[in-house]
Each structure stands twice: as structure tokens, then as C-alpha cells.
Amino acid sequence: MRDPLRQLAAAPGPWLVVAPHMDDESLGCGMLLAQRDPAQRVHVIFASDGSRSPPLPPGDDAIEGLVGRRQKEARLALTELGVADTAVEFLGFPDGTLDSNSGLLQSALEARIRELQPAHVFVPFRYDRHPDHLAVNRAVTGLQSAQGIQIEVWEYFVYSQWRLLPSGDVRSHLRHEDLYTTFSESAAAHKRRALECHRSQTSLLSPAQRRPILTAALLDRVCSEPEALLRQRADFPGRKVLEAHRWWIPIAHRLEPVLKRVKDRLFETA
């Protein structure tokens, strides 16, 4: 597989990373950001307020405190990845509501894309497990045909490990021609430090938690393996991007969240 940095350099212009939640930017493309040329301009937009991770007891003060904390963590993480604080913004949609606010989300992103004029836009993978991730992908993908917008869309992976696939990794089932990977020890170190800035996700914040949202095992894996990006192509939409199990992956995509919820409940009651 090829390194995405060369392909990205072929179309000069700003990059725009759209992250559903604070930490998705570091998980999905932290290495890419850390490895880019320092002169390469990057803007990062967080779509949701991150107020549901981790779940907290009811109370406006608790939720507002979590929102502020997660924004601060995101700024620290992006500083570690070389992104200027002035290039970070938060749309503030309630966590978990991006799908139900799809029209407003797309309008907000369209306005920012028209203003920023990015050459490349990075969004979560089209079959990521979280509804907020799918909403961001659809919103940006839907803008590619809008008049006056010319962007190349790249999909990053947050939920790459699937229990219901033979290989366990959805990336191994995609068109290799459009899958790019990048890795360096230095970038991996920056990615880990960025992820560790998200303390609300890597530690136990609520008494009801039995484990962090981002476990030590997960951090070890994502910081030791190459980071993958899927170059989006209009002639390979939806399941056409799949090279294997084209019929099964969309089904497994629907079943995986159900299995995860069952697993989490069993873990909480164990």
C-alpha cells in the first residue's frame, strides 16, 4: 500500500479534518497530522460537544464541565500534533444527535468548506460503528456535488476492528488501490501523547465506569500499527469499495453495535 503523504501533496491546499467527537482526530489521523510538512495548513472541526462520553449522572453542571474539559483536551492533543489553536473549532451539536441534525450539520460544514476552501477533507469511514461518525461522512460526501465545492475526501478509521469479520479488521476487505497507510516511530509517539491528552477518555472519570473509554490495549494497538486512509472515489460508493464479503459487511456493520452493547452490559455486571 502507498503512503498518503505523496498523494496529498499532489493537490496543494489546506486540509480539513472533521471529527464527530474529541479524540476521533487523534485516533483516526494522528500520525498523518504529525508527519505532515509543518507548512501544511490544517483546520479541525469537532461536530458534537462530546457530552455523552463517558456517561455522567444527570446534571447540567456535570455535562457542561465535561464539554469544557473535552474541548481543552482536544486543543492540547492537536497542539501535540502540530495544529494551531486558532485552527480548531467546535460546532457544539449534542453528542449522539448528528444524524437527527443532519441538515443543520451539512449546512454548517458547507459554510466552513466554502470559507476555508480545503483541498482535502478527512472524515470517518463510511461503515464506522457510531451513528455520529456516519452522519459526518454522509454530510461531507453529500457536498462533493455542490456547485463551487471541489474537495477530495479521505476516510479515516476509528472502529477498524470487527468481531464478525474473518480477519477481524475491516480494512483488509477494502480496495487496495485506494487504501493508503502511513507509519513512523516518531509519528506514533506523537499520536500516543496526543491520545493521552484525552484524559476523560483514558482514565476513569465516573464512579460508574469499570474501564476507560480508551483502554490501554487499544492505545497500544493504534499506536503500533500503520494508520490507514481510504481515498474516496465517486465510482466506488457504498459497498462497491469492498473487495471481499461485499454482502456481509453491511449486515455485520448493523450487528456490531448490538454485540458491543451486550458485551458492555455483561462487563458492567460481571
Protein backbone atom coordinates (compact mmCIF):
# COMPACT_ATOMS: atom_id res chain seq x y z
CA MET A 1 0.00 0.00 0.00
CA ARG A 2 1.09 3.57 -0.66
CA ASP A 3 1.86 6.39 1.74
CA PRO A 4 -0.88 9.05 1.62
CA LEU A 5 1.52 11.96 2.10
CA ARG A 6 2.69 11.88 -1.52
CA GLN A 7 -0.84 11.72 -2.85
CA LEU A 8 -1.95 14.57 -0.59
CA ALA A 9 0.94 16.73 -1.75
CA ALA A 10 -0.27 16.38 -5.34
CA ALA A 11 -3.22 18.70 -4.63
CA PRO A 12 -1.85 21.68 -2.69
CA GLY A 13 -4.21 23.47 -0.36
CA PRO A 14 -5.47 23.35 3.20
CA TRP A 15 -6.58 20.17 4.90
CA LEU A 16 -9.82 19.95 6.86
CA VAL A 17 -10.34 17.23 9.47
CA VAL A 18 -13.96 16.78 10.56
CA ALA A 19 -14.20 14.79 13.79
CA PRO A 20 -17.52 13.72 15.32
CA HIS A 21 -16.05 13.72 18.84
CA MET A 22 -12.94 14.91 20.62
CA ASP A 23 -10.36 12.08 20.27
CA ASP A 24 -11.51 10.86 16.83
CA GLU A 25 -8.97 13.19 15.22
CA SER A 26 -6.08 11.59 17.11
CA LEU A 27 -7.34 8.03 16.72
CA GLY A 28 -8.08 8.31 13.01
CA CYS A 29 -5.34 10.51 11.58
CA GLY A 30 -2.99 11.50 14.39
CA MET A 31 0.06 10.03 12.64
CA LEU A 32 -0.79 11.74 9.38
CA LEU A 33 -1.06 15.11 11.09
CA ALA A 34 2.18 14.55 12.99
CA GLN A 35 4.07 13.63 9.79
CA ARG A 36 2.87 16.42 7.55
CA ASP A 37 5.07 19.28 6.40
CA PRO A 38 4.89 22.00 9.08
CA ALA A 39 3.95 24.46 6.34
CA GLN A 40 0.82 22.44 5.51
CA ARG A 41 -2.21 24.27 6.86
CA VAL A 42 -4.76 22.18 8.76
CA HIS A 43 -8.15 23.09 10.20
CA VAL A 44 -10.03 20.78 12.58
CA ILE A 45 -13.77 20.90 13.22
CA PHE A 46 -15.42 18.93 16.03
CA ALA A 47 -19.07 18.35 15.19
CA SER A 48 -20.50 17.25 18.55
CA ASP A 49 -19.98 18.54 22.09
CA GLY A 50 -18.74 15.16 23.37
CA SER A 51 -21.11 15.33 26.33
CA ARG A 52 -22.02 11.63 26.45
CA SER A 53 -18.56 10.11 26.82
CA PRO A 54 -18.27 8.94 29.46
CA PRO A 55 -21.91 8.95 30.61
CA LEU A 56 -22.27 11.11 33.71
CA PRO A 57 -25.05 11.37 36.32
CA PRO A 58 -27.80 13.81 35.27
CA GLY A 59 -26.98 17.43 35.96
CA ASP A 60 -26.26 20.46 33.82
CA ASP A 61 -23.11 21.33 35.75
CA ALA A 62 -21.62 17.88 35.22
CA ILE A 63 -22.38 17.90 31.50
CA GLU A 64 -21.13 21.45 30.98
CA GLY A 65 -17.97 20.56 32.88
CA LEU A 66 -17.37 17.55 30.64
CA VAL A 67 -17.92 19.57 27.48
CA GLY A 68 -15.38 22.19 28.58
CA ARG A 69 -12.93 19.53 29.68
CA ARG A 70 -13.13 17.66 26.40
CA GLN A 71 -12.60 20.84 24.40
CA LYS A 72 -9.49 21.63 26.43
CA GLU A 73 -8.21 18.08 25.94
CA ALA A 74 -8.77 18.31 22.19
CA ARG A 75 -6.81 21.55 21.95
CA LEU A 76 -3.91 20.02 23.90
CA ALA A 77 -3.94 16.91 21.69
CA LEU A 78 -3.89 18.95 18.50
CA THR A 79 -1.07 21.11 19.81
CA GLU A 80 0.90 17.87 20.21
CA LEU A 81 0.10 17.08 16.57
CA GLY A 82 1.25 20.49 15.39
CA VAL A 83 -2.17 22.07 14.76
CA ALA A 84 -2.53 25.73 15.75
CA ASP A 85 -5.10 26.53 18.41
CA THR A 86 -6.65 29.11 16.11
CA ALA A 87 -7.39 26.34 13.58
CA VAL A 88 -9.66 24.40 15.96
CA GLU A 89 -13.40 24.92 16.25
CA PHE A 90 -16.42 23.25 17.84
CA LEU A 91 -19.88 23.15 16.25
CA GLY A 92 -21.41 22.01 19.54
CA PHE A 93 -24.18 19.70 18.36
CA PRO A 94 -25.34 17.49 21.26
CA ASP A 95 -23.40 14.24 21.36
CA GLY A 96 -25.33 11.43 19.68
CA THR A 97 -27.62 13.74 17.66
CA LEU A 98 -25.65 14.33 14.46
CA ASP A 99 -27.89 12.02 12.46
CA SER A 100 -31.09 13.73 13.64
CA ASN A 101 -29.44 17.10 12.92
CA SER A 102 -28.07 16.02 9.54
CA GLY A 103 -29.45 19.01 7.65
CA LEU A 104 -28.05 21.55 10.10
CA LEU A 105 -24.74 19.67 10.23
CA GLN A 106 -24.36 19.66 6.46
CA SER A 107 -25.24 23.35 6.24
CA ALA A 108 -22.65 24.24 8.90
CA LEU A 109 -19.96 22.18 7.19
CA GLU A 110 -20.82 23.57 3.78
CA ALA A 111 -20.39 27.13 5.07
CA ARG A 112 -16.99 26.31 6.57
CA ILE A 113 -15.79 24.42 3.50
CA ARG A 114 -16.74 27.31 1.24
CA GLU A 115 -14.86 29.70 3.50
CA LEU A 116 -11.77 27.55 4.13
CA GLN A 117 -11.53 26.13 0.58
CA PRO A 118 -9.74 22.92 1.65
CA ALA A 119 -8.22 20.65 -0.98
CA HIS A 120 -8.59 17.55 1.21
CA VAL A 121 -11.27 16.73 3.78
CA PHE A 122 -10.90 13.86 6.26
CA VAL A 123 -13.99 12.12 7.66
CA PRO A 124 -14.75 8.82 9.44
CA PHE A 125 -15.06 5.63 7.40
CA ARG A 126 -18.44 5.04 5.73
CA TYR A 127 -19.02 1.88 7.79
CA ASP A 128 -17.74 3.13 11.14
CA ARG A 129 -19.80 1.86 14.04
CA HIS A 130 -21.05 5.11 15.61
CA PRO A 131 -24.10 6.93 14.13
CA ASP A 132 -22.35 10.29 14.64
CA HIS A 133 -19.43 9.08 12.53
CA LEU A 134 -21.75 8.00 9.73
CA ALA A 135 -23.56 11.34 9.85
CA VAL A 136 -20.30 13.25 9.35
CA ASN A 137 -19.30 11.01 6.45
CA ARG A 138 -22.66 11.47 4.73
CA ALA A 139 -22.70 15.23 5.30
CA VAL A 140 -19.30 15.80 3.68
CA THR A 141 -19.76 13.20 0.93
CA GLY A 142 -23.02 14.87 0.00
CA LEU A 143 -21.23 18.17 -0.53
CA GLN A 144 -18.93 16.85 -3.26
CA SER A 145 -21.58 17.54 -5.89
CA ALA A 146 -22.40 21.03 -4.60
CA GLN A 147 -21.69 23.86 -7.00
CA GLY A 148 -18.43 25.64 -6.27
CA ILE A 149 -17.05 22.94 -3.97
CA GLN A 150 -14.06 20.93 -5.12
CA ILE A 151 -12.71 18.62 -2.43
CA GLU A 152 -11.03 15.26 -2.25
CA VAL A 153 -12.44 13.20 0.59
CA TRP A 154 -10.39 10.76 2.66
CA GLU A 155 -11.89 8.34 5.18
CA TYR A 156 -10.08 7.54 8.41
CA PHE A 157 -10.76 4.60 10.71
CA VAL A 158 -11.79 4.75 14.36
CA TYR A 159 -13.62 1.40 14.58
CA SER A 160 -11.48 -0.83 12.37
CA GLN A 161 -11.73 -4.00 14.48
CA TRP A 162 -14.86 -6.08 13.83
CA ARG A 163 -15.75 -9.28 15.68
CA LEU A 164 -17.89 -10.55 12.81
CA LEU A 165 -15.26 -10.48 10.06
CA PRO A 166 -12.90 -13.40 9.33
CA SER A 167 -9.80 -11.18 9.54
CA GLY A 168 -11.16 -9.09 12.39
CA ASP A 169 -10.13 -5.92 10.54
CA VAL A 170 -12.45 -4.22 8.06
CA ARG A 171 -9.53 -2.50 6.34
CA SER A 172 -8.34 -5.81 4.91
CA HIS A 173 -11.57 -6.08 2.89
CA LEU A 174 -11.25 -2.77 1.02
CA ARG A 175 -9.93 -1.93 -2.44
CA HIS A 176 -6.16 -1.90 -2.02
CA GLU A 177 -5.78 0.60 -4.86
CA ASP A 178 -7.48 3.28 -2.77
CA LEU A 179 -6.13 2.37 0.67
CA TYR A 180 -3.08 4.28 1.86
CA THR A 181 -1.06 3.69 5.02
CA THR A 182 1.50 5.67 6.92
CA PHE A 183 3.73 4.94 9.90
CA SER A 184 6.83 6.22 11.61
CA GLU A 185 8.10 5.74 15.14
CA SER A 186 8.20 9.49 15.67
CA ALA A 187 4.63 9.99 14.45
CA ALA A 188 3.46 7.06 16.59
CA ALA A 189 4.99 8.72 19.66
CA HIS A 190 3.21 12.00 18.87
CA LYS A 191 -0.06 10.11 18.34
CA ARG A 192 0.23 8.41 21.72
CA ARG A 193 0.97 11.68 23.51
CA ALA A 194 -1.99 13.27 21.74
CA LEU A 195 -4.30 10.46 22.81
CA GLU A 196 -3.04 10.69 26.37
CA CYS A 197 -4.19 14.32 26.39
CA HIS A 198 -7.76 12.98 26.27
CA ARG A 199 -7.71 12.11 29.95
CA SER A 200 -11.50 11.96 30.22
CA GLN A 201 -11.35 9.02 27.79
CA THR A 202 -8.20 7.24 29.00
CA SER A 203 -9.00 7.30 32.73
CA LEU A 204 -11.95 6.53 34.99
CA LEU A 205 -13.92 9.75 35.22
CA SER A 206 -17.20 8.44 36.60
CA PRO A 207 -17.70 6.11 39.60
CA ALA A 208 -19.97 4.01 37.38
CA GLN A 209 -17.12 3.21 34.99
CA ARG A 210 -15.41 -0.16 35.15
CA ARG A 211 -12.85 0.70 32.45
CA PRO A 212 -11.83 3.76 30.44
CA ILE A 213 -13.43 4.57 27.09
CA LEU A 214 -9.98 4.25 25.51
CA THR A 215 -8.27 1.28 27.12
CA ALA A 216 -4.52 0.78 27.41
CA ALA A 217 -4.77 -2.17 24.99
CA LEU A 218 -6.50 -0.02 22.39
CA LEU A 219 -3.87 2.73 22.71
CA ASP A 220 -1.09 0.17 22.34
CA ARG A 221 -2.66 -1.20 19.15
CA VAL A 222 -3.45 2.06 17.36
CA CYS A 223 -0.03 3.50 18.17
CA SER A 224 1.91 0.45 16.99
CA GLU A 225 0.16 -0.29 13.68
CA PRO A 226 0.15 1.76 10.46
CA GLU A 227 -2.56 4.35 10.14
CA ALA A 228 -4.84 3.77 7.16
CA LEU A 229 -6.76 6.20 4.98
CA LEU A 230 -9.27 5.36 2.28
CA ARG A 231 -9.31 7.68 -0.72
CA GLN A 232 -12.96 8.22 -1.58
CA ARG A 233 -13.93 7.80 -5.24
CA ALA A 234 -17.26 8.64 -6.86
CA ASP A 235 -17.16 5.44 -8.95
CA PHE A 236 -16.82 3.27 -5.84
CA PRO A 237 -19.59 4.44 -3.48
CA GLY A 238 -21.01 2.45 -0.59
CA ARG A 239 -20.26 -1.26 -0.69
CA LYS A 240 -18.52 -1.03 -4.07
CA VAL A 241 -15.35 -0.13 -2.21
CA LEU A 242 -15.33 -3.63 -0.70
CA GLU A 243 -13.20 -6.30 -2.35
CA ALA A 244 -14.44 -9.16 -0.19
CA HIS A 245 -17.62 -10.02 1.75
CA ARG A 246 -19.46 -7.24 -0.07
CA TRP A 247 -22.86 -8.58 1.01
CA TRP A 248 -21.87 -9.44 4.59
CA ILE A 249 -20.09 -6.29 5.74
CA PRO A 250 -23.17 -4.01 5.59
CA ILE A 251 -25.05 -6.60 7.67
CA ALA A 252 -22.18 -7.02 10.12
CA HIS A 253 -21.99 -3.24 10.35
CA ARG A 254 -25.51 -3.20 11.79
CA LEU A 255 -24.90 -6.14 14.12
CA GLU A 256 -21.57 -4.99 15.60
CA PRO A 257 -23.03 -2.17 17.76
CA VAL A 258 -25.64 -4.56 19.16
CA LEU A 259 -22.96 -7.06 20.15
CA LYS A 260 -20.87 -4.31 21.72
CA ARG A 261 -23.79 -3.14 23.86
CA VAL A 262 -24.40 -6.70 25.04
CA LYS A 263 -20.70 -7.12 25.81
CA ASP A 264 -20.57 -3.84 27.73
CA ARG A 265 -23.60 -4.80 29.83
CA LEU A 266 -22.07 -8.17 30.65
CA PHE A 267 -18.81 -6.47 31.58
CA GLU A 268 -20.60 -3.99 33.86
CA THR A 269 -22.48 -6.73 35.71
CA ALA A 270 -19.52 -9.13 36.00
